[in-house]
Amino acid sequence: MSAPERFSGSTLAKHLSLEVAKVGCVLVAVLTAMVFN
């Protein structure tokens, strides 16, 4: 695997983990709202 491929792969992984974190935060917020309502 060449360096550019590895770089784009890690960038994609970083982007995916950011998306997962965003979805997780939204889920936690929704669950919290449901519990406290």
PDB file of N, CA and C in Angstrom:
ATOM      1  N   MET A   1       0.863  -1.200   0.000  1.00  0.00           N
ATOM      2  CA  MET A   1       0.000   0.000   0.000  1.00  0.00           C
ATOM      3  C   MET A   1       0.895   1.245   0.000  1.00  0.00           C
ATOM      4  N   SER A   2       0.635   2.148  -0.924  1.00  0.00           N
ATOM      5  CA  SER A   2       1.470   3.351  -0.994  1.00  0.00           C
ATOM      6  C   SER A   2       0.989   4.392   0.015  1.00  0.00           C
ATOM      7  N   ALA A   3       1.833   5.390   0.264  1.00  0.00           N
ATOM      8  CA  ALA A   3       1.523   6.401   1.280  1.00  0.00           C
ATOM      9  C   ALA A   3       0.216   7.159   0.984  1.00  0.00           C
ATOM     10  N   PRO A   4      -0.013   7.620  -0.250  1.00  0.00           N
ATOM     11  CA  PRO A   4      -1.268   8.352  -0.517  1.00  0.00           C
ATOM     12  C   PRO A   4      -2.506   7.516  -0.229  1.00  0.00           C
ATOM     13  N   GLU A   5      -2.464   6.231  -0.565  1.00  0.00           N
ATOM     14  CA  GLU A   5      -3.615   5.363  -0.311  1.00  0.00           C
ATOM     15  C   GLU A   5      -3.868   5.251   1.188  1.00  0.00           C
ATOM     16  N   ARG A   6      -2.787   5.088   1.937  1.00  0.00           N
ATOM     17  CA  ARG A   6      -2.934   4.964   3.376  1.00  0.00           C
ATOM     18  C   ARG A   6      -3.499   6.265   3.950  1.00  0.00           C
ATOM     19  N   PHE A   7      -3.038   7.399   3.423  1.00  0.00           N
ATOM     20  CA  PHE A   7      -3.518   8.692   3.932  1.00  0.00           C
ATOM     21  C   PHE A   7      -5.012   8.852   3.687  1.00  0.00           C
ATOM     22  N   SER A   8      -5.451   8.553   2.464  1.00  0.00           N
ATOM     23  CA  SER A   8      -6.873   8.715   2.149  1.00  0.00           C
ATOM     24  C   SER A   8      -7.699   7.723   2.962  1.00  0.00           C
ATOM     25  N   GLY A   9      -7.137   6.549   3.232  1.00  0.00           N
ATOM     26  CA  GLY A   9      -7.853   5.567   4.039  1.00  0.00           C
ATOM     27  C   GLY A   9      -8.059   6.062   5.447  1.00  0.00           C
ATOM     28  N   SER A  10      -7.017   6.655   6.049  1.00  0.00           N
ATOM     29  CA  SER A  10      -7.156   7.146   7.420  1.00  0.00           C
ATOM     30  C   SER A  10      -8.088   8.345   7.452  1.00  0.00           C
ATOM     31  N   THR A  11      -8.068   9.159   6.393  1.00  0.00           N
ATOM     32  CA  THR A  11      -8.981  10.309   6.338  1.00  0.00           C
ATOM     33  C   THR A  11     -10.424   9.820   6.277  1.00  0.00           C
ATOM     34  N   LEU A  12     -10.668   8.785   5.479  1.00  0.00           N
ATOM     35  CA  LEU A  12     -12.012   8.223   5.382  1.00  0.00           C
ATOM     36  C   LEU A  12     -12.447   7.658   6.723  1.00  0.00           C
ATOM     37  N   ALA A  13     -11.552   6.946   7.395  1.00  0.00           N
ATOM     38  CA  ALA A  13     -11.879   6.375   8.701  1.00  0.00           C
ATOM     39  C   ALA A  13     -12.205   7.481   9.696  1.00  0.00           C
ATOM     40  N   LYS A  14     -11.425   8.571   9.637  1.00  0.00           N
ATOM     41  CA  LYS A  14     -11.673   9.693  10.549  1.00  0.00           C
ATOM     42  C   LYS A  14     -13.053  10.282  10.273  1.00  0.00           C
ATOM     43  N   HIS A  15     -13.372  10.440   8.991  1.00  0.00           N
ATOM     44  CA  HIS A  15     -14.674  10.998   8.597  1.00  0.00           C
ATOM     45  C   HIS A  15     -15.799  10.081   9.074  1.00  0.00           C
ATOM     46  N   LEU A  16     -15.620   8.779   8.899  1.00  0.00           N
ATOM     47  CA  LEU A  16     -16.655   7.834   9.307  1.00  0.00           C
ATOM     48  C   LEU A  16     -16.851   7.867  10.813  1.00  0.00           C
ATOM     49  N   SER A  17     -15.753   7.930  11.572  1.00  0.00           N
ATOM     50  CA  SER A  17     -15.891   7.953  13.026  1.00  0.00           C
ATOM     51  C   SER A  17     -16.557   9.240  13.476  1.00  0.00           C
ATOM     52  N   LEU A  18     -16.309  10.348  12.748  1.00  0.00           N
ATOM     53  CA  LEU A  18     -16.995  11.604  13.077  1.00  0.00           C
ATOM     54  C   LEU A  18     -18.499  11.453  12.862  1.00  0.00           C
ATOM     55  N   GLU A  19     -18.873  10.822  11.740  1.00  0.00           N
ATOM     56  CA  GLU A  19     -20.290  10.616  11.458  1.00  0.00           C
ATOM     57  C   GLU A  19     -20.924   9.735  12.534  1.00  0.00           C
ATOM     58  N   VAL A  20     -20.225   8.670  12.920  1.00  0.00           N
ATOM     59  CA  VAL A  20     -20.743   7.763  13.950  1.00  0.00           C
ATOM     60  C   VAL A  20     -20.909   8.514  15.272  1.00  0.00           C
ATOM     61  N   ALA A  21     -19.927   9.370  15.592  1.00  0.00           N
ATOM     62  CA  ALA A  21     -20.011  10.139  16.843  1.00  0.00           C
ATOM     63  C   ALA A  21     -21.205  11.075  16.803  1.00  0.00           C
ATOM     64  N   LYS A  22     -21.432  11.703  15.639  1.00  0.00           N
ATOM     65  CA  LYS A  22     -22.574  12.622  15.505  1.00  0.00           C
ATOM     66  C   LYS A  22     -23.883  11.863  15.718  1.00  0.00           C
ATOM     67  N   VAL A  23     -24.015  10.715  15.067  1.00  0.00           N
ATOM     68  CA  VAL A  23     -25.241   9.923  15.203  1.00  0.00           C
ATOM     69  C   VAL A  23     -25.413   9.476  16.649  1.00  0.00           C
ATOM     70  N   GLY A  24     -24.312   9.085  17.289  1.00  0.00           N
ATOM     71  CA  GLY A  24     -24.376   8.659  18.685  1.00  0.00           C
ATOM     72  C   GLY A  24     -24.850   9.789  19.583  1.00  0.00           C
ATOM     73  N   CYS A  25     -24.335  10.997  19.347  1.00  0.00           N
ATOM     74  CA  CYS A  25     -24.750  12.150  20.158  1.00  0.00           C
ATOM     75  C   CYS A  25     -26.243  12.413  19.984  1.00  0.00           C
ATOM     76  N   VAL A  26     -26.722  12.326  18.746  1.00  0.00           N
ATOM     77  CA  VAL A  26     -28.147  12.544  18.486  1.00  0.00           C
ATOM     78  C   VAL A  26     -28.980  11.483  19.198  1.00  0.00           C
ATOM     79  N   LEU A  27     -28.544  10.228  19.131  1.00  0.00           N
ATOM     80  CA  LEU A  27     -29.286   9.154  19.795  1.00  0.00           C
ATOM     81  C   LEU A  27     -29.343   9.382  21.298  1.00  0.00           C
ATOM     82  N   VAL A  28     -28.220   9.760  21.891  1.00  0.00           N
ATOM     83  CA  VAL A  28     -28.182  10.013  23.333  1.00  0.00           C
ATOM     84  C   VAL A  28     -29.127  11.163  23.687  1.00  0.00           C
ATOM     85  N   ALA A  29     -29.118  12.227  22.864  1.00  0.00           N
ATOM     86  CA  ALA A  29     -29.992  13.369  23.135  1.00  0.00           C
ATOM     87  C   ALA A  29     -31.452  12.952  23.059  1.00  0.00           C
ATOM     88  N   VAL A  30     -31.809  12.155  22.059  1.00  0.00           N
ATOM     89  CA  VAL A  30     -33.196  11.708  21.901  1.00  0.00           C
ATOM     90  C   VAL A  30     -33.596  10.827  23.080  1.00  0.00           C
ATOM     91  N   LEU A  31     -32.732   9.885  23.454  1.00  0.00           N
ATOM     92  CA  LEU A  31     -33.043   9.005  24.585  1.00  0.00           C
ATOM     93  C   LEU A  31     -33.209   9.816  25.863  1.00  0.00           C
ATOM     94  N   THR A  32     -32.319  10.781  26.078  1.00  0.00           N
ATOM     95  CA  THR A  32     -32.406  11.620  27.275  1.00  0.00           C
ATOM     96  C   THR A  32     -33.720  12.380  27.289  1.00  0.00           C
ATOM     97  N   ALA A  33     -34.105  12.946  26.145  1.00  0.00           N
ATOM     98  CA  ALA A  33     -35.364  13.690  26.068  1.00  0.00           C
ATOM     99  C   ALA A  33     -36.547  12.770  26.366  1.00  0.00           C
ATOM    100  N   MET A  34     -36.496  11.541  25.871  1.00  0.00           N
ATOM    101  CA  MET A  34     -37.594  10.602  26.102  1.00  0.00           C
ATOM    102  C   MET A  34     -37.665  10.229  27.581  1.00  0.00           C
ATOM    103  N   VAL A  35     -36.515  10.051  28.214  1.00  0.00           N
ATOM    104  CA  VAL A  35     -36.501   9.643  29.616  1.00  0.00           C
ATOM    105  C   VAL A  35     -37.039  10.762  30.507  1.00  0.00           C
ATOM    106  N   PHE A  36     -36.683  12.019  30.189  1.00  0.00           N
ATOM    107  CA  PHE A  36     -37.061  13.119  31.071  1.00  0.00           C
ATOM    108  C   PHE A  36     -38.416  13.718  30.738  1.00  0.00           C
ATOM    109  N   ASN A  37     -39.087  13.220  29.686  1.00  0.00           N
ATOM    110  CA  ASN A  37     -40.412  13.783  29.360  1.00  0.00           C
ATOM    111  C   ASN A  37     -41.531  12.905  29.913  1.00  0.00           C
TER     112      ASN A  37
END
